[in-house]
Protein backbone atom coordinates (compact mmCIF):
# COMPACT_ATOMS: atom_id res chain seq x y z
CA MET A 1 114.12 22.15 5.69
CA ASP A 2 112.73 23.14 9.09
CA VAL A 3 110.45 26.12 9.67
CA GLU A 4 109.39 27.42 13.06
CA GLU A 5 105.72 28.25 13.34
CA SER A 6 104.68 31.71 14.47
CA PRO A 7 103.66 31.79 18.19
CA MET A 8 99.98 31.10 18.88
CA ARG A 9 98.15 34.17 20.15
CA ASP A 10 95.87 32.41 22.60
CA GLU A 11 94.50 28.99 23.55
CA ALA A 12 91.35 29.40 21.45
CA GLU A 13 93.52 29.99 18.39
CA SER A 14 95.24 26.63 18.87
CA THR A 15 92.00 24.69 18.42
CA LYS A 16 90.61 26.66 15.47
CA TRP A 17 90.00 24.71 12.29
CA ILE A 18 92.47 25.39 9.49
CA GLN A 19 90.77 27.61 6.91
CA SER A 20 93.34 27.90 4.11
CA LEU A 21 96.57 26.53 2.68
CA ALA A 22 98.23 29.75 3.83
CA GLU A 23 97.27 28.97 7.43
CA LEU A 24 98.59 25.42 7.13
CA VAL A 25 102.03 26.44 5.81
CA ALA A 26 102.44 29.69 7.80
CA PRO A 27 104.78 31.52 8.24
CA LEU A 28 105.37 30.71 4.57
CA THR A 29 102.85 32.13 2.14
CA ALA A 30 100.68 29.84 0.04
CA ASP A 31 102.23 31.28 -3.11
CA HIS A 32 105.76 30.58 -1.86
CA PHE A 33 104.83 27.03 -0.93
CA LEU A 34 103.22 26.31 -4.31
CA ARG A 35 106.02 27.91 -6.34
CA GLU A 36 109.13 26.96 -4.39
CA ILE A 37 108.30 23.90 -2.26
CA CYS A 38 105.44 21.87 -3.75
CA GLY A 39 106.74 19.08 -5.98
CA LYS A 40 110.36 20.07 -5.33
CA THR A 41 111.58 19.60 -1.79
CA PRO A 42 110.39 18.26 1.58
CA ILE A 43 109.65 20.64 4.40
CA HIS A 44 109.11 20.17 8.14
CA MET A 45 107.12 22.76 10.07
CA LYS A 46 106.70 22.77 13.85
CA GLY A 47 103.32 23.62 15.31
CA HIS A 48 101.30 23.94 18.49
CA PRO A 49 100.69 20.49 20.05
CA GLU A 50 96.91 20.85 19.72
CA ARG A 51 97.00 22.17 16.16
CA PHE A 52 95.71 18.99 14.47
CA ALA A 53 93.90 17.44 17.45
CA TYR A 54 90.51 18.42 16.05
CA LEU A 55 91.01 16.49 12.81
CA LEU A 56 90.62 13.00 14.27
CA THR A 57 90.04 11.87 17.84
CA TRP A 58 90.37 8.33 19.17
CA ASP A 59 86.60 8.30 19.72
CA SER A 60 86.02 9.13 16.05
CA LEU A 61 88.52 6.49 14.95
CA ASN A 62 86.89 3.86 17.16
CA ALA A 63 83.45 4.77 15.81
CA MET A 64 84.69 4.20 12.25
CA LEU A 65 86.20 0.82 13.13
CA SER A 66 83.00 -0.31 14.88
CA ARG A 67 80.94 -0.10 11.69
CA ASP A 68 80.24 -3.35 9.91
CA ASP A 69 80.85 -1.77 6.50
CA PHE A 70 84.32 -0.42 7.39
CA GLU A 71 86.26 -3.14 5.59
CA GLY A 72 89.10 -3.48 3.04
CA PRO A 73 90.48 -1.70 1.20
CA LYS A 74 89.51 1.01 3.71
CA PHE A 75 91.13 -0.72 6.65
CA GLU A 76 94.44 -2.58 6.84
CA VAL A 77 96.75 -3.89 9.54
CA VAL A 78 100.51 -3.58 9.03
CA LYS A 79 103.23 -5.31 10.99
CA GLY A 80 106.95 -5.35 10.31
CA GLY A 81 106.52 -3.67 6.95
CA LYS A 82 104.01 -6.26 5.70
CA MET A 83 100.23 -6.36 5.43
CA VAL A 84 98.55 -8.75 7.85
CA PRO A 85 96.06 -11.04 6.03
CA PRO A 86 92.48 -9.91 6.80
CA ALA A 87 91.55 -13.41 7.92
CA GLU A 88 93.72 -12.87 11.00
CA TYR A 89 91.50 -10.06 12.35
CA ARG A 90 88.14 -10.26 10.57
CA GLU A 91 85.08 -12.44 11.10
CA ARG A 92 81.95 -13.22 9.15
CA ILE A 93 78.55 -12.05 10.34
CA GLU A 94 75.60 -14.33 9.62
CA TYR A 95 71.90 -13.82 10.25
CA ASN A 96 69.56 -16.85 10.02
CA GLY A 97 72.27 -18.71 8.14
CA ASN A 98 72.68 -16.03 5.46
CA TYR A 99 76.01 -14.31 4.88
CA GLN A 100 75.72 -10.63 5.69
CA ALA A 101 79.12 -8.98 5.94
CA GLN A 102 82.48 -9.04 7.63
CA ARG A 103 83.52 -7.14 10.69
CA ILE A 104 86.60 -6.69 12.83
CA ASN A 105 87.21 -9.31 15.50
CA LEU A 106 88.23 -7.08 18.40
CA GLY A 107 90.00 -9.82 20.32
CA LYS A 108 92.23 -10.73 17.38
CA LEU A 109 92.82 -7.07 16.49
CA ASN A 110 93.80 -6.18 20.04
CA HIS A 111 96.25 -9.10 20.09
CA LEU A 112 97.90 -7.90 16.88
CA CYS A 113 98.13 -4.35 18.22
CA ARG A 114 99.79 -5.54 21.43
CA GLU A 115 102.36 -7.34 19.28
CA GLY A 116 103.27 -4.12 17.51
CA ALA A 117 100.90 -3.95 14.54
CA SER A 118 99.76 -0.57 13.20
CA LEU A 119 96.32 0.31 11.85
CA VAL A 120 95.88 1.98 8.48
CA LEU A 121 92.53 3.62 7.70
CA LYS A 122 92.23 4.77 4.09
CA PHE A 123 89.84 6.98 2.11
CA LEU A 124 88.74 8.94 5.19
CA GLN A 125 87.69 11.78 2.88
CA ARG A 126 84.67 9.61 2.05
CA GLU A 127 83.61 9.20 5.67
CA ARG A 128 81.89 12.60 5.91
CA HIS A 129 83.94 13.27 9.02
CA LYS A 130 83.52 17.03 9.02
CA PRO A 131 86.98 18.19 10.18
CA ILE A 132 88.73 16.00 7.60
CA SER A 133 86.24 16.79 4.82
CA HIS A 134 86.65 20.51 5.52
CA LEU A 135 90.45 20.42 5.18
CA CYS A 136 90.16 18.18 2.11
CA ARG A 137 88.06 20.81 0.34
CA ILE A 138 90.60 23.50 1.19
CA LEU A 139 93.54 21.46 -0.12
CA GLU A 140 91.71 20.28 -3.24
CA LEU A 141 90.99 23.87 -4.21
CA ALA A 142 94.53 25.07 -3.47
CA LEU A 143 96.33 22.12 -5.08
CA ALA A 144 93.91 21.60 -7.99
CA SER A 145 93.83 17.88 -7.27
CA ASP A 146 91.71 15.25 -5.59
CA VAL A 147 92.91 14.69 -2.04
CA HIS A 148 92.66 11.36 -0.24
CA VAL A 149 93.23 10.89 3.48
CA THR A 150 94.86 8.03 5.36
CA ALA A 151 95.19 7.67 9.13
CA ILE A 152 97.95 5.54 10.67
CA ALA A 153 97.69 4.55 14.32
CA GLY A 154 100.27 2.68 16.41
CA TRP A 155 101.23 2.18 20.06
CA HIS A 156 104.66 0.56 20.18
CA ASP A 157 108.09 1.42 18.84
CA THR A 158 107.56 -0.98 15.93
CA GLN A 159 107.98 0.31 12.39
CA GLY A 160 104.89 -0.17 10.26
CA PHE A 161 106.27 0.47 6.76
CA SER A 162 109.80 -0.12 5.51
CA THR A 163 111.74 2.59 3.64
CA HIS A 164 109.77 3.39 0.50
CA TRP A 165 108.69 6.14 -1.86
CA ASP A 166 105.24 7.17 -3.11
CA LYS A 167 104.11 8.32 -6.53
CA VAL A 168 101.98 11.02 -4.89
CA ASP A 169 102.71 14.08 -2.75
CA VAL A 170 102.00 13.52 0.95
CA PHE A 171 101.06 16.10 3.60
CA VAL A 172 101.66 14.50 7.02
CA MET A 173 99.97 15.97 10.10
CA GLN A 174 100.95 14.55 13.48
CA VAL A 175 97.89 14.32 15.73
CA GLU A 176 99.27 12.47 18.76
CA GLY A 177 102.54 10.88 19.85
CA LYS A 178 105.97 11.17 18.27
CA LYS A 179 107.55 9.60 15.19
CA HIS A 180 111.13 9.76 14.01
CA TRP A 181 111.26 10.34 10.26
CA ARG A 182 114.01 10.02 7.68
CA ILE A 183 113.72 11.43 4.16
CA PHE A 184 116.13 10.57 1.35
CA PRO A 185 116.48 12.22 -2.08
CA PRO A 186 114.86 10.43 -5.02
CA THR A 187 117.12 8.08 -6.94
CA GLN A 188 115.05 8.64 -10.08
CA ARG A 189 112.92 11.77 -10.36
CA TYR A 190 109.26 11.66 -11.33
CA HIS A 191 108.98 7.90 -11.68
CA ASP A 192 105.38 6.78 -11.16
CA ASP A 193 105.53 2.97 -11.11
CA PRO A 194 107.17 1.45 -8.00
CA ASP A 195 106.96 -2.04 -9.54
CA GLN A 196 109.22 -1.05 -12.44
CA PHE A 197 111.62 0.96 -10.33
CA THR A 198 115.08 -0.21 -9.35
CA GLY A 199 117.46 1.43 -6.94
CA ALA A 200 117.82 2.21 -3.26
CA PRO A 201 117.98 5.39 -1.18
CA GLN A 202 121.24 7.06 -0.27
CA ASP A 203 122.89 6.28 3.03
CA ASN A 204 122.64 9.83 4.36
CA PRO A 205 119.12 11.27 4.73
CA TYR A 206 118.24 14.66 3.28
CA TRP A 207 116.31 15.37 6.49
CA GLU A 208 115.95 13.48 9.75
CA GLY A 209 114.01 14.46 12.83
CA ASP A 210 111.03 13.94 15.12
CA LEU A 211 107.47 14.73 14.21
CA ASN A 212 105.65 15.83 17.36
CA PRO A 213 101.95 16.60 17.87
CA GLY A 214 101.03 19.65 15.78
CA ASP A 215 103.97 19.22 13.39
CA PHE A 216 103.51 19.19 9.62
CA LEU A 217 105.69 17.35 7.10
CA TYR A 218 105.46 17.64 3.32
CA ILE A 219 107.04 14.89 1.18
CA PRO A 220 107.06 15.30 -2.63
CA ARG A 221 106.45 12.24 -4.76
CA GLY A 222 109.49 10.08 -5.41
CA TRP A 223 111.34 10.91 -2.18
CA TRP A 224 112.30 7.91 -0.06
CA HIS A 225 111.13 7.99 3.55
CA ASP A 226 110.44 5.91 6.64
CA ALA A 227 109.08 6.58 10.11
CA HIS A 228 109.78 4.92 13.45
CA PRO A 229 107.23 5.57 16.22
CA SER A 230 108.03 6.06 19.88
CA VAL A 231 106.44 4.04 22.66
CA GLY A 232 102.86 5.10 23.36
CA PRO A 233 99.81 5.91 21.22
CA VAL A 234 100.82 7.52 17.94
CA LEU A 235 98.37 8.89 15.39
CA HIS A 236 99.00 10.84 12.22
CA LEU A 237 97.03 11.77 9.10
CA SER A 238 98.37 11.79 5.55
CA PHE A 239 96.55 14.09 3.14
CA ILE A 240 97.53 12.76 -0.28
CA LYS A 241 97.60 14.86 -3.44
CA MET A 242 96.42 12.25 -5.92
CA LYS A 243 97.32 13.90 -9.21
CA SER A 244 100.25 15.99 -10.43
CA LEU A 245 99.81 17.10 -14.02
CA THR A 246 102.81 16.19 -16.19
CA GLY A 247 103.98 16.63 -19.74
CA LEU A 248 102.33 13.30 -20.56
CA ASP A 249 98.95 14.78 -19.62
CA LEU A 250 99.64 17.74 -21.91
CA ALA A 251 100.66 15.36 -24.70
CA LYS A 252 97.39 13.43 -24.31
CA HIS A 253 95.54 16.73 -24.49
CA VAL A 254 97.29 17.55 -27.78
CA LEU A 255 96.50 14.05 -29.08
CA ASN A 256 92.82 14.57 -28.38
CA ARG A 257 92.92 17.88 -30.23
CA LEU A 258 94.48 16.20 -33.29
CA ALA A 259 91.38 14.05 -33.69
CA CYS A 260 89.58 17.00 -35.28
CA TYR A 261 92.07 17.03 -38.17
CA GLU A 262 91.09 14.77 -41.07
CA PRO A 263 94.67 13.57 -41.85
CA PHE A 264 94.89 12.09 -38.36
CA ARG A 265 91.69 10.11 -38.87
CA SER A 266 92.74 8.75 -42.27
CA ASP A 267 94.74 5.59 -42.93
CA ILE A 268 98.53 5.74 -42.91
CA PRO A 269 99.73 5.15 -46.52
CA ARG A 270 101.42 1.83 -45.78
CA TYR A 271 101.39 0.69 -49.43
CA ALA A 272 102.12 4.04 -51.11
CA ASN A 273 105.37 4.78 -52.88
CA THR A 274 108.24 6.56 -51.17
CA SER A 275 107.39 10.05 -52.39
CA GLU A 276 103.77 9.71 -51.26
CA GLN A 277 104.87 8.49 -47.83
CA GLU A 278 107.30 11.41 -47.48
CA ALA A 279 104.50 13.80 -48.46
CA TYR A 280 102.31 12.27 -45.76
CA ILE A 281 105.02 12.73 -43.10
CA SER A 282 105.49 16.33 -44.20
CA MET A 283 101.75 16.94 -43.91
CA PHE A 284 101.77 15.17 -40.52
CA ARG A 285 104.45 17.50 -39.16
CA LYS A 286 102.65 20.56 -40.53
CA THR A 287 99.38 19.56 -38.88
CA VAL A 288 101.07 18.85 -35.53
CA ASN A 289 102.79 22.24 -35.67
CA GLU A 290 99.46 23.90 -36.44
CA ALA A 291 97.86 22.21 -33.42
CA MET A 292 100.82 23.19 -31.23
CA ASP A 293 100.59 26.81 -32.35
CA LYS A 294 97.04 26.90 -30.96
CA LEU A 295 98.06 25.27 -27.67
CA SER A 296 98.23 27.24 -24.43
CA LEU A 297 99.05 25.96 -20.97
CA GLU A 298 96.38 28.21 -19.47
CA GLY A 299 93.71 26.74 -21.73
CA PHE A 300 94.83 23.20 -20.92
CA LEU A 301 94.67 23.83 -17.16
CA GLN A 302 91.24 25.45 -17.45
CA GLU A 303 89.93 22.45 -19.36
CA VAL A 304 91.31 20.02 -16.77
CA ASP A 305 89.75 21.99 -13.91
CA SER A 306 86.41 22.27 -15.69
CA LYS A 307 86.18 18.46 -15.95
CA ALA A 308 86.98 17.73 -12.31
CA PRO A 309 84.08 16.12 -10.41
CA GLY A 310 82.54 18.04 -7.56
CA ILE A 311 81.41 17.00 -4.09
CA SER A 312 78.46 14.63 -4.15
CA ARG A 313 75.95 16.07 -1.71
CA PRO A 314 72.14 15.62 -2.07
CA THR A 315 69.86 18.47 -1.04
CA LEU A 316 66.77 16.69 0.21
CA PRO A 317 63.93 17.44 0.59
CA TRP A 318 64.16 20.67 -1.43
CA SER A 319 65.78 19.20 -4.55
CA ALA A 320 63.13 16.45 -4.72
CA VAL A 321 60.15 18.69 -3.91
CA PRO A 322 60.92 22.22 -5.15
CA GLU A 323 57.49 23.39 -4.00
CA HIS A 324 58.23 22.13 -0.47
CA GLY A 325 58.21 25.68 0.80
CA PRO A 326 60.55 28.64 1.26
CA LEU A 327 64.18 27.77 1.81
CA PRO A 328 65.34 28.35 5.40
CA GLU A 329 67.21 31.62 5.78
CA ILE A 330 69.63 30.08 8.27
CA ALA A 331 70.71 27.35 5.84
CA TRP A 332 74.14 27.33 4.24
CA VAL A 333 74.64 27.29 0.47
CA HIS A 334 77.71 25.23 -0.49
CA TRP A 335 79.46 25.54 -3.85
CA LEU A 336 80.27 21.93 -4.89
CA PRO A 337 82.89 22.13 -7.70
CA THR A 338 86.34 21.49 -6.19
CA ARG A 339 88.31 23.60 -8.69
CA MET A 340 88.35 27.34 -9.22
CA VAL A 341 86.58 27.96 -12.53
CA GLY A 342 85.89 31.21 -14.31
CA LEU A 343 82.77 32.90 -15.61
CA LYS A 344 82.33 33.88 -19.23
CA ILE A 345 79.86 36.60 -20.21
CA SER A 346 78.64 36.95 -23.78
CA ASP A 347 75.40 37.87 -25.57
CA GLY A 348 73.52 38.44 -22.34
CA LYS A 349 74.49 35.04 -20.94
CA VAL A 350 76.95 33.95 -18.26
CA THR A 351 78.46 30.49 -18.64
CA VAL A 352 80.30 28.30 -16.16
CA ASP A 353 82.52 25.40 -17.24
CA ALA A 354 82.49 22.92 -14.36
CA LEU A 355 81.83 19.27 -13.55
CA GLY A 356 82.52 18.34 -17.17
CA SER A 357 79.65 20.49 -18.50
CA THR A 358 78.92 24.04 -19.56
CA PHE A 359 76.12 25.75 -17.63
CA SER A 360 74.43 28.84 -19.05
CA PHE A 361 72.42 31.43 -17.13
CA ASP A 362 71.07 34.92 -17.59
CA GLU A 363 73.85 37.49 -17.27
CA ALA A 364 72.07 39.11 -14.31
CA VAL A 365 72.97 36.22 -11.99
CA GLY A 366 76.68 36.44 -12.80
CA PRO A 367 77.55 38.36 -9.59
CA ILE A 368 75.70 35.74 -7.50
CA LEU A 369 77.65 32.90 -9.09
CA LYS A 370 80.90 34.80 -8.62
CA ASP A 371 80.26 35.27 -4.90
CA LEU A 372 79.31 31.61 -4.49
CA MET A 373 82.50 30.45 -6.20
CA GLU A 374 84.72 32.76 -4.17
CA SER A 375 83.11 32.24 -0.77
CA ARG A 376 82.47 28.49 -1.32
CA THR A 377 80.06 28.50 1.63
CA VAL A 378 77.64 31.27 2.59
CA ARG A 379 74.42 31.63 4.55
CA LEU A 380 71.36 31.99 2.38
CA SER A 381 70.35 35.09 4.32
CA GLU A 382 73.78 36.66 3.70
CA LEU A 383 73.68 35.78 0.01
CA ARG A 384 70.29 37.47 -0.29
CA ALA A 385 71.57 40.54 1.57
CA MET A 386 74.45 40.77 -0.89
CA HIS A 387 72.07 40.60 -3.88
CA PRO A 388 68.72 42.07 -2.82
CA GLY A 389 65.77 40.80 -4.84
CA LYS A 390 67.89 38.51 -7.03
CA VAL A 391 68.52 35.38 -4.94
CA THR A 392 65.25 33.49 -5.33
CA ASP A 393 64.37 30.03 -4.08
CA THR A 394 63.79 28.98 -7.68
CA PHE A 395 67.33 29.94 -8.72
CA VAL A 396 68.97 28.24 -5.73
CA ILE A 397 66.94 25.07 -6.30
CA GLU A 398 67.97 25.16 -9.97
CA LEU A 399 71.62 25.25 -8.91
CA THR A 400 71.05 22.24 -6.62
CA SER A 401 69.42 20.27 -9.44
CA LEU A 402 72.50 20.95 -11.61
CA GLY A 403 74.84 19.72 -8.88
CA LEU A 404 76.52 23.12 -8.50
CA VAL A 405 75.40 23.84 -4.93
CA ALA A 406 73.99 22.03 -1.92
CA ILE A 407 71.81 23.39 0.86
CA ALA A 408 72.49 22.25 4.41
CA PHE A 409 72.01 23.38 7.98
CA ASP A 410 75.64 22.55 8.65
CA ARG A 411 78.48 25.00 8.01
CA ASP A 412 80.72 22.13 6.93
CA ILE A 413 79.75 19.20 4.73
């Protein structure tokens, strides 16, 4: 499915950072994408050539590769559909005869690249590269899933990966150069173990076309695909939705709930007579039905979201020395949970289920928490203007100590 992007209004608009899922999938709405496209069918969307240029530049990529600690499994070299052994492009670093680390041998790496090898940089969401981290946070919130990021760079018309399928959803964003993609329907839907999978893609692709700079391609899990680059530098990013909740996850949730019922903790009557065993099975069914009657999909999803880890971001020096002094008005307050969670108000208390814990506060700060959760990032001065006399340094520091917010001078973390 191809979708033409709405015309850009001006040049400044083309370089603006993406601020929402709706902006990424426009002219579709976010709701339409999540309900009708996500997990169901691929989609190709054309965009302005500079649309994704801000996400990763060659300078940023080179800076990552120059670090001594940027080693496997973060970095791989692929050639002809196979991984190149690290020994062919890495070298040991020693200091006074002691082993220190490994680093990339630039001469060997350049030789492999000239012969058609592609570079694969994984887990870029951990690199604190602001443009990528920013879009990761947006997608994690919208998709209710951890999002990992992989960059693939090439320079010759040599295919890096053979035709394959992934057990995760992939959001491909073409930064530079052109790649010719083919997507084939799944031969077995919702399979999650490539090693146990047999079969091959159909002869005729479901979609085939070029991905140019600024184009966006969504591939649901299980769909076969391959990509053939054109001559010249080619760079694209894959934002990977790591978890799709399935019926198996719901079944595990029910199983955990059954642990509170005594019959499920007792021994199975292996040596009982037939009538006693039949009575046990009858009781087993009755208890399962009782647990199922209390089950709701909404409650299950809320529990999953409440246990999701948040962004790990220290707030030094203020979190270590609360009496350090007044918090800077120009600082940004960042909400760290990556899922949308609700507030519960009861008996003069407001509670928040997040990060695998339940946090309880005085009901009066409920509106502050609500604004933090909805805005995700807000200036401290603006937060105080919204809630005069209520946003104290003590309260903000308390939220940092609980891991719910971080304070930073940067708008993006």
